[in-house]
């Protein structure tokens, strides 16, 4: 078992889990690219021996669109919109998944202090946090594919403002998530600074639940996603209160 725990705490375990979603996104982008039609439709030619038929000199609407390109632009535009929407949703979900993962590790460490598996997973907290920021940044970049005007047009929507606020918090966390900053400002101040991550919990819940087309299913799904973290955080707070009462 020691070898297993050593493997879980090594880069060989965490790197595939970090890179895997990016490979998936690249595959989605490549597989959904519009393809050019392979063969052009052929129109039958009438010979002198054939009886005159008006159908020989006409083509269907589908054949006309393929030859002239009319309709193809519409199809490509719809395909690009679908790819953009799917990549935006997927990168956001991946970032939130890493956010939930990293915030589950801290209470697990408090609740299961002697568990070697939990200790091995906690070695990757910084890596998982940086992965969360990376996919959140990718989410923002894909959203802004059409330029900053998209953001200016939709900034009044509350879920957009919530997403930007959460990204700002993750940016602070990523920039200060290094040993130099920790030594520079001191361990206690560094821990207090990184507690702002808890402010992002309700912000991200709202952002995911109310982004785009709001529905009961989306809200329910969002709370299902966040429920393990909320339960673990609640148990950690309860345990800490009980320990303080015991000391008093």
C-alpha atoms as a PDB file:
ATOM      1  CA  UNK A   1       0.000   0.000   0.000  1.00  0.00           C
ATOM      2  CA  UNK A   2       2.914   2.354   0.551  1.00  0.00           C
ATOM      3  CA  UNK A   3       3.690   2.202  -3.155  1.00  0.00           C
ATOM      4  CA  UNK A   4       0.071   3.068  -3.979  1.00  0.00           C
ATOM      5  CA  UNK A   5       0.043   6.099  -1.668  1.00  0.00           C
ATOM      6  CA  UNK A   6       3.399   7.188  -3.096  1.00  0.00           C
ATOM      7  CA  UNK A   7       1.952   6.935  -6.606  1.00  0.00           C
ATOM      8  CA  UNK A   8      -1.166   8.943  -5.658  1.00  0.00           C
ATOM      9  CA  UNK A   9       1.054  11.669  -4.247  1.00  0.00           C
ATOM     10  CA  UNK A  10       3.300  11.799  -7.341  1.00  0.00           C
ATOM     11  CA  UNK A  11       3.085  13.764 -10.584  1.00  0.00           C
ATOM     12  CA  UNK A  12       2.393  10.584 -12.538  1.00  0.00           C
ATOM     13  CA  UNK A  13      -1.010  10.494 -10.862  1.00  0.00           C
ATOM     14  CA  UNK A  14      -2.033  14.149 -11.064  1.00  0.00           C
ATOM     15  CA  UNK A  15      -0.676  15.227 -14.470  1.00  0.00           C
ATOM     16  CA  UNK A  16      -2.994  12.972 -16.556  1.00  0.00           C
ATOM     17  CA  UNK A  17      -5.947  14.252 -14.513  1.00  0.00           C
ATOM     18  CA  UNK A  18      -4.919  17.838 -15.297  1.00  0.00           C
ATOM     19  CA  UNK A  19      -4.042  17.395 -18.974  1.00  0.00           C
ATOM     20  CA  UNK A  20      -6.866  14.959 -19.796  1.00  0.00           C
ATOM     21  CA  UNK A  21      -9.655  17.586 -19.957  1.00  0.00           C
ATOM     22  CA  UNK A  22      -7.561  19.760 -22.291  1.00  0.00           C
ATOM     23  CA  UNK A  23      -7.084  16.808 -24.662  1.00  0.00           C
ATOM     24  CA  UNK A  24     -10.845  16.230 -24.529  1.00  0.00           C
ATOM     25  CA  UNK A  25     -11.535  19.881 -25.422  1.00  0.00           C
ATOM     26  CA  UNK A  26      -9.084  19.713 -28.328  1.00  0.00           C
ATOM     27  CA  UNK A  27     -10.798  16.571 -29.612  1.00  0.00           C
ATOM     28  CA  UNK A  28     -14.218  18.253 -29.365  1.00  0.00           C
ATOM     29  CA  UNK A  29     -12.930  21.264 -31.310  1.00  0.00           C
ATOM     30  CA  UNK A  30     -11.417  19.111 -34.066  1.00  0.00           C
ATOM     31  CA  UNK A  31     -14.298  16.653 -34.404  1.00  0.00           C
ATOM     32  CA  UNK A  32     -16.951  19.368 -34.715  1.00  0.00           C
ATOM     33  CA  UNK A  33     -15.220  21.376 -37.456  1.00  0.00           C
ATOM     34  CA  UNK A  34     -17.412  21.784 -40.588  1.00  0.00           C
ATOM     35  CA  UNK A  35     -16.340  19.603 -43.514  1.00  0.00           C
ATOM     36  CA  UNK A  36     -16.364  20.502 -47.206  1.00  0.00           C
ATOM     37  CA  UNK A  37     -18.643  18.385 -49.434  1.00  0.00           C
ATOM     38  CA  UNK A  38     -16.663  15.622 -51.075  1.00  0.00           C
ATOM     39  CA  UNK A  39     -18.421  15.424 -54.447  1.00  0.00           C
ATOM     40  CA  UNK A  40     -20.324  17.999 -56.421  1.00  0.00           C
ATOM     41  CA  UNK A  41     -23.710  16.911 -57.754  1.00  0.00           C
ATOM     42  CA  UNK A  42     -23.835  16.049 -61.411  1.00  0.00           C
ATOM     43  CA  UNK A  43     -26.658  17.239 -63.638  1.00  0.00           C
ATOM     44  CA  UNK A  44     -27.833  14.799 -66.267  1.00  0.00           C
ATOM     45  CA  UNK A  45     -27.341  15.919 -69.866  1.00  0.00           C
ATOM     46  CA  UNK A  46     -30.008  15.230 -72.435  1.00  0.00           C
ATOM     47  CA  UNK A  47     -29.049  13.670 -75.772  1.00  0.00           C
ATOM     48  CA  UNK A  48     -30.734  14.117 -79.112  1.00  0.00           C
ATOM     49  CA  UNK A  49     -32.175  10.623 -78.870  1.00  0.00           C
ATOM     50  CA  UNK A  50     -33.855  11.324 -75.544  1.00  0.00           C
ATOM     51  CA  UNK A  51     -37.309  12.729 -75.363  1.00  0.00           C
ATOM     52  CA  UNK A  52     -37.386  16.330 -74.166  1.00  0.00           C
ATOM     53  CA  UNK A  53     -37.912  16.462 -70.385  1.00  0.00           C
ATOM     54  CA  UNK A  54     -37.855  19.700 -68.378  1.00  0.00           C
ATOM     55  CA  UNK A  55     -36.588  17.805 -65.304  1.00  0.00           C
ATOM     56  CA  UNK A  56     -33.281  17.192 -67.083  1.00  0.00           C
ATOM     57  CA  UNK A  57     -32.577  20.930 -66.965  1.00  0.00           C
ATOM     58  CA  UNK A  58     -33.468  21.539 -63.294  1.00  0.00           C
ATOM     59  CA  UNK A  59     -31.782  20.724 -60.000  1.00  0.00           C
ATOM     60  CA  UNK A  60     -33.099  20.377 -56.473  1.00  0.00           C
ATOM     61  CA  UNK A  61     -32.692  23.130 -53.887  1.00  0.00           C
ATOM     62  CA  UNK A  62     -30.185  20.991 -52.029  1.00  0.00           C
ATOM     63  CA  UNK A  63     -28.028  20.520 -55.146  1.00  0.00           C
ATOM     64  CA  UNK A  64     -28.248  24.234 -55.948  1.00  0.00           C
ATOM     65  CA  UNK A  65     -27.105  25.174 -52.435  1.00  0.00           C
ATOM     66  CA  UNK A  66     -24.171  22.760 -52.606  1.00  0.00           C
ATOM     67  CA  UNK A  67     -22.978  24.149 -55.955  1.00  0.00           C
ATOM     68  CA  UNK A  68     -23.446  27.850 -55.228  1.00  0.00           C
ATOM     69  CA  UNK A  69     -22.463  27.690 -51.552  1.00  0.00           C
ATOM     70  CA  UNK A  70     -25.757  29.273 -50.563  1.00  0.00           C
ATOM     71  CA  UNK A  71     -26.948  27.651 -47.360  1.00  0.00           C
ATOM     72  CA  UNK A  72     -23.457  26.345 -46.619  1.00  0.00           C
ATOM     73  CA  UNK A  73     -22.521  29.617 -44.929  1.00  0.00           C
ATOM     74  CA  UNK A  74     -25.590  29.317 -42.715  1.00  0.00           C
ATOM     75  CA  UNK A  75     -24.669  25.754 -41.776  1.00  0.00           C
ATOM     76  CA  UNK A  76     -21.082  26.729 -40.971  1.00  0.00           C
ATOM     77  CA  UNK A  77     -22.249  29.680 -38.875  1.00  0.00           C
ATOM     78  CA  UNK A  78     -24.570  27.444 -36.853  1.00  0.00           C
ATOM     79  CA  UNK A  79     -21.738  24.925 -36.424  1.00  0.00           C
ATOM     80  CA  UNK A  80     -19.345  27.623 -35.147  1.00  0.00           C
ATOM     81  CA  UNK A  81     -21.977  28.886 -32.710  1.00  0.00           C
ATOM     82  CA  UNK A  82     -22.579  25.351 -31.404  1.00  0.00           C
ATOM     83  CA  UNK A  83     -18.820  24.718 -30.985  1.00  0.00           C
ATOM     84  CA  UNK A  84     -18.381  28.046 -29.170  1.00  0.00           C
ATOM     85  CA  UNK A  85     -21.288  27.355 -26.812  1.00  0.00           C
ATOM     86  CA  UNK A  86     -20.165  23.810 -26.101  1.00  0.00           C
ATOM     87  CA  UNK A  87     -16.532  24.748 -25.409  1.00  0.00           C
ATOM     88  CA  UNK A  88     -17.645  27.632 -23.198  1.00  0.00           C
ATOM     89  CA  UNK A  89     -19.880  25.345 -21.146  1.00  0.00           C
ATOM     90  CA  UNK A  90     -17.313  22.528 -20.954  1.00  0.00           C
ATOM     91  CA  UNK A  91     -14.403  24.739 -19.841  1.00  0.00           C
ATOM     92  CA  UNK A  92     -16.607  26.335 -17.188  1.00  0.00           C
ATOM     93  CA  UNK A  93     -17.741  22.957 -15.878  1.00  0.00           C
ATOM     94  CA  UNK A  94     -14.156  21.653 -15.787  1.00  0.00           C
ATOM     95  CA  UNK A  95     -12.981  24.727 -13.852  1.00  0.00           C
ATOM     96  CA  UNK A  96     -15.819  24.318 -11.335  1.00  0.00           C
ATOM     97  CA  UNK A  97     -15.046  20.605 -10.974  1.00  0.00           C
ATOM     98  CA  UNK A  98     -11.442  21.405 -10.002  1.00  0.00           C
ATOM     99  CA  UNK A  99     -12.683  24.167  -7.676  1.00  0.00           C
ATOM    100  CA  UNK A 100     -14.949  21.688  -5.872  1.00  0.00           C
ATOM    101  CA  UNK A 101     -12.167  19.105  -5.760  1.00  0.00           C
ATOM    102  CA  UNK A 102      -9.603  21.406  -4.166  1.00  0.00           C
ATOM    103  CA  UNK A 103     -12.113  22.666  -1.575  1.00  0.00           C
ATOM    104  CA  UNK A 104     -13.003  19.091  -0.636  1.00  0.00           C
ATOM    105  CA  UNK A 105      -9.393  18.286   0.245  1.00  0.00           C
ATOM    106  CA  UNK A 106      -9.076  20.742   3.158  1.00  0.00           C
ATOM    107  CA  UNK A 107     -12.055  19.437   5.187  1.00  0.00           C
ATOM    108  CA  UNK A 108     -11.080  15.853   4.399  1.00  0.00           C
ATOM    109  CA  UNK A 109      -7.665  16.535   5.895  1.00  0.00           C
ATOM    110  CA  UNK A 110      -9.299  17.873   9.068  1.00  0.00           C
ATOM    111  CA  UNK A 111     -11.867  15.068   9.316  1.00  0.00           C
ATOM    112  CA  UNK A 112      -9.470  12.234   8.388  1.00  0.00           C
ATOM    113  CA  UNK A 113      -6.120  13.400   9.708  1.00  0.00           C
ATOM    114  CA  UNK A 114      -4.507   9.974   9.817  1.00  0.00           C
ATOM    115  CA  UNK A 115      -5.779   8.783   6.450  1.00  0.00           C
ATOM    116  CA  UNK A 116      -2.795   8.278   4.142  1.00  0.00           C
ATOM    117  CA  UNK A 117      -4.838   8.541   0.947  1.00  0.00           C
ATOM    118  CA  UNK A 118      -6.191  11.940   1.974  1.00  0.00           C
ATOM    119  CA  UNK A 119      -2.669  13.060   2.882  1.00  0.00           C
ATOM    120  CA  UNK A 120      -1.389  11.937  -0.524  1.00  0.00           C
ATOM    121  CA  UNK A 121      -4.158  13.804  -2.353  1.00  0.00           C
ATOM    122  CA  UNK A 122      -3.539  16.967  -0.344  1.00  0.00           C
ATOM    123  CA  UNK A 123      -0.070  17.190  -1.855  1.00  0.00           C
ATOM    124  CA  UNK A 124      -1.761  18.241  -5.103  1.00  0.00           C
ATOM    125  CA  UNK A 125      -3.841  21.101  -3.705  1.00  0.00           C
ATOM    126  CA  UNK A 126      -1.728  23.800  -5.354  1.00  0.00           C
ATOM    127  CA  UNK A 127      -1.616  21.965  -8.686  1.00  0.00           C
ATOM    128  CA  UNK A 128      -5.375  21.428  -8.696  1.00  0.00           C
ATOM    129  CA  UNK A 129      -5.964  25.058  -7.770  1.00  0.00           C
ATOM    130  CA  UNK A 130      -3.762  26.258 -10.649  1.00  0.00           C
ATOM    131  CA  UNK A 131      -5.587  23.875 -13.006  1.00  0.00           C
ATOM    132  CA  UNK A 132      -8.873  25.411 -11.851  1.00  0.00           C
ATOM    133  CA  UNK A 133      -7.566  28.880 -12.703  1.00  0.00           C
ATOM    134  CA  UNK A 134      -6.213  27.710 -16.085  1.00  0.00           C
ATOM    135  CA  UNK A 135      -9.555  26.290 -17.221  1.00  0.00           C
ATOM    136  CA  UNK A 136     -11.390  29.326 -15.814  1.00  0.00           C
ATOM    137  CA  UNK A 137      -9.097  31.555 -17.884  1.00  0.00           C
ATOM    138  CA  UNK A 138      -9.717  29.354 -20.936  1.00  0.00           C
ATOM    139  CA  UNK A 139     -13.442  29.668 -20.242  1.00  0.00           C
ATOM    140  CA  UNK A 140     -13.156  33.467 -20.250  1.00  0.00           C
ATOM    141  CA  UNK A 141     -10.986  33.543 -23.385  1.00  0.00           C
ATOM    142  CA  UNK A 142     -13.454  31.397 -25.337  1.00  0.00           C
ATOM    143  CA  UNK A 143     -16.328  33.562 -24.120  1.00  0.00           C
ATOM    144  CA  UNK A 144     -14.486  36.651 -25.411  1.00  0.00           C
ATOM    145  CA  UNK A 145     -13.734  35.118 -28.818  1.00  0.00           C
ATOM    146  CA  UNK A 146     -15.746  37.865 -30.546  1.00  0.00           C
ATOM    147  CA  UNK A 147     -13.996  40.618 -28.594  1.00  0.00           C
ATOM    148  CA  UNK A 148     -14.613  42.723 -25.507  1.00  0.00           C
ATOM    149  CA  UNK A 149     -17.826  44.077 -27.018  1.00  0.00           C
ATOM    150  CA  UNK A 150     -19.499  40.799 -26.036  1.00  0.00           C
ATOM    151  CA  UNK A 151     -18.636  41.466 -22.394  1.00  0.00           C
ATOM    152  CA  UNK A 152     -19.705  45.118 -22.588  1.00  0.00           C
ATOM    153  CA  UNK A 153     -23.066  44.119 -24.040  1.00  0.00           C
ATOM    154  CA  UNK A 154     -23.758  41.489 -21.348  1.00  0.00           C
ATOM    155  CA  UNK A 155     -22.039  42.957 -18.276  1.00  0.00           C
ATOM    156  CA  UNK A 156     -25.432  44.045 -16.904  1.00  0.00           C
ATOM    157  CA  UNK A 157     -26.456  40.404 -16.580  1.00  0.00           C
ATOM    158  CA  UNK A 158     -25.878  39.398 -12.976  1.00  0.00           C
ATOM    159  CA  UNK A 159     -24.475  35.944 -13.741  1.00  0.00           C
ATOM    160  CA  UNK A 160     -21.813  37.532 -16.002  1.00  0.00           C
ATOM    161  CA  UNK A 161     -20.777  39.914 -13.217  1.00  0.00           C
ATOM    162  CA  UNK A 162     -20.696  36.964 -10.816  1.00  0.00           C
ATOM    163  CA  UNK A 163     -18.434  35.011 -13.176  1.00  0.00           C
ATOM    164  CA  UNK A 164     -16.018  37.947 -13.462  1.00  0.00           C
ATOM    165  CA  UNK A 165     -15.954  38.341  -9.675  1.00  0.00           C
ATOM    166  CA  UNK A 166     -15.141  34.657  -9.219  1.00  0.00           C
ATOM    167  CA  UNK A 167     -12.413  34.899 -11.859  1.00  0.00           C
ATOM    168  CA  UNK A 168     -10.878  37.890 -10.042  1.00  0.00           C
ATOM    169  CA  UNK A 169     -10.732  35.840  -6.829  1.00  0.00           C
ATOM    170  CA  UNK A 170      -9.128  32.905  -8.654  1.00  0.00           C
ATOM    171  CA  UNK A 171      -6.625  35.293 -10.223  1.00  0.00           C
ATOM    172  CA  UNK A 172      -5.538  36.539  -6.796  1.00  0.00           C
ATOM    173  CA  UNK A 173      -5.259  32.957  -5.584  1.00  0.00           C
ATOM    174  CA  UNK A 174      -3.164  31.912  -8.591  1.00  0.00           C
ATOM    175  CA  UNK A 175      -0.789  34.895  -8.404  1.00  0.00           C
ATOM    176  CA  UNK A 176      -0.112  34.346  -4.692  1.00  0.00           C
ATOM    177  CA  UNK A 177       0.018  30.544  -4.839  1.00  0.00           C
ATOM    178  CA  UNK A 178       3.789  30.268  -4.613  1.00  0.00           C
ATOM    179  CA  UNK A 179       6.402  29.873  -1.885  1.00  0.00           C
ATOM    180  CA  UNK A 180       7.959  33.307  -2.525  1.00  0.00           C
ATOM    181  CA  UNK A 181       4.691  35.146  -1.810  1.00  0.00           C
ATOM    182  CA  UNK A 182       4.049  32.995   1.233  1.00  0.00           C
ATOM    183  CA  UNK A 183       7.460  33.884   2.685  1.00  0.00           C
ATOM    184  CA  UNK A 184       7.093  37.531   1.664  1.00  0.00           C
ATOM    185  CA  UNK A 185       3.807  38.261   3.431  1.00  0.00           C
ATOM    186  CA  UNK A 186       4.100  35.625   6.150  1.00  0.00           C
ATOM    187  CA  UNK A 187       2.277  32.377   6.714  1.00  0.00           C
ATOM    188  CA  UNK A 188      -0.627  33.778   8.782  1.00  0.00           C
ATOM    189  CA  UNK A 189      -1.396  36.668   6.425  1.00  0.00           C
ATOM    190  CA  UNK A 190      -1.068  34.308   3.449  1.00  0.00           C
ATOM    191  CA  UNK A 191      -3.657  31.935   4.958  1.00  0.00           C
ATOM    192  CA  UNK A 192      -6.022  34.829   5.681  1.00  0.00           C
ATOM    193  CA  UNK A 193      -5.628  36.058   2.108  1.00  0.00           C
ATOM    194  CA  UNK A 194      -6.409  32.641   0.666  1.00  0.00           C
ATOM    195  CA  UNK A 195      -9.584  32.388   2.718  1.00  0.00           C
ATOM    196  CA  UNK A 196     -11.206  34.716   0.183  1.00  0.00           C
ATOM    197  CA  UNK A 197     -11.668  31.573  -1.898  1.00  0.00           C
ATOM    198  CA  UNK A 198     -14.703  30.781   0.265  1.00  0.00           C
ATOM    199  CA  UNK A 199     -16.365  33.959  -1.040  1.00  0.00           C
ATOM    200  CA  UNK A 200     -16.258  32.383  -4.499  1.00  0.00           C
ATOM    201  CA  UNK A 201     -18.456  29.441  -3.416  1.00  0.00           C
ATOM    202  CA  UNK A 202     -21.863  31.210  -3.497  1.00  0.00           C
ATOM    203  CA  UNK A 203     -20.720  33.306  -6.469  1.00  0.00           C
ATOM    204  CA  UNK A 204     -19.902  30.237  -8.551  1.00  0.00           C
ATOM    205  CA  UNK A 205     -23.077  28.463  -7.473  1.00  0.00           C
ATOM    206  CA  UNK A 206     -25.093  31.407  -8.755  1.00  0.00           C
ATOM    207  CA  UNK A 207     -22.993  31.744 -11.914  1.00  0.00           C
ATOM    208  CA  UNK A 208     -23.458  28.135 -12.937  1.00  0.00           C
ATOM    209  CA  UNK A 209     -27.099  27.831 -11.906  1.00  0.00           C
ATOM    210  CA  UNK A 210     -28.305  30.980 -13.648  1.00  0.00           C
ATOM    211  CA  UNK A 211     -25.984  31.189 -16.671  1.00  0.00           C
ATOM    212  CA  UNK A 212     -27.703  30.977 -20.046  1.00  0.00           C
ATOM    213  CA  UNK A 213     -31.083  29.266 -20.063  1.00  0.00           C
ATOM    214  CA  UNK A 214     -32.221  29.021 -16.447  1.00  0.00           C
ATOM    215  CA  UNK A 215     -34.215  25.929 -15.530  1.00  0.00           C
ATOM    216  CA  UNK A 216     -35.069  23.883 -12.471  1.00  0.00           C
ATOM    217  CA  UNK A 217     -32.843  21.079 -13.774  1.00  0.00           C
ATOM    218  CA  UNK A 218     -29.830  23.406 -14.048  1.00  0.00           C
ATOM    219  CA  UNK A 219     -30.300  24.699 -10.510  1.00  0.00           C
ATOM    220  CA  UNK A 220     -30.765  21.172  -9.153  1.00  0.00           C
ATOM    221  CA  UNK A 221     -27.715  19.924 -11.044  1.00  0.00           C
ATOM    222  CA  UNK A 222     -25.602  22.794  -9.691  1.00  0.00           C
ATOM    223  CA  UNK A 223     -26.468  21.994  -6.076  1.00  0.00           C
ATOM    224  CA  UNK A 224     -25.759  18.306  -6.710  1.00  0.00           C
ATOM    225  CA  UNK A 225     -22.308  19.305  -7.995  1.00  0.00           C
ATOM    226  CA  UNK A 226     -21.537  21.452  -4.947  1.00  0.00           C
ATOM    227  CA  UNK A 227     -23.209  19.250  -2.325  1.00  0.00           C
ATOM    228  CA  UNK A 228     -20.108  17.102  -1.458  1.00  0.00           C
ATOM    229  CA  UNK A 229     -18.037  20.222  -0.825  1.00  0.00           C
ATOM    230  CA  UNK A 230     -20.796  21.937   1.177  1.00  0.00           C
ATOM    231  CA  UNK A 231     -21.331  18.842   3.325  1.00  0.00           C
ATOM    232  CA  UNK A 232     -17.613  18.407   3.990  1.00  0.00           C
ATOM    233  CA  UNK A 233     -17.133  22.084   4.799  1.00  0.00           C
ATOM    234  CA  UNK A 234     -20.085  21.932   7.191  1.00  0.00           C
ATOM    235  CA  UNK A 235     -18.664  18.859   8.926  1.00  0.00           C
ATOM    236  CA  UNK A 236     -15.277  20.547   9.254  1.00  0.00           C
ATOM    237  CA  UNK A 237     -16.810  23.617  10.893  1.00  0.00           C
ATOM    238  CA  UNK A 238     -18.839  21.393  13.236  1.00  0.00           C
ATOM    239  CA  UNK A 239     -15.745  19.410  14.241  1.00  0.00           C
ATOM    240  CA  UNK A 240     -13.709  22.550  14.882  1.00  0.00           C
ATOM    241  CA  UNK A 241     -16.488  23.964  17.083  1.00  0.00           C
ATOM    242  CA  UNK A 242     -16.630  20.720  19.059  1.00  0.00           C
ATOM    243  CA  UNK A 243     -12.850  20.753  19.550  1.00  0.00           C
ATOM    244  CA  UNK A 244     -12.945  24.366  20.779  1.00  0.00           C
ATOM    245  CA  UNK A 245     -15.694  23.490  23.262  1.00  0.00           C
ATOM    246  CA  UNK A 246     -13.664  20.526  24.495  1.00  0.00           C
ATOM    247  CA  UNK A 247     -10.615  22.725  25.059  1.00  0.00           C
ATOM    248  CA  UNK A 248     -12.682  25.336  26.878  1.00  0.00           C
END
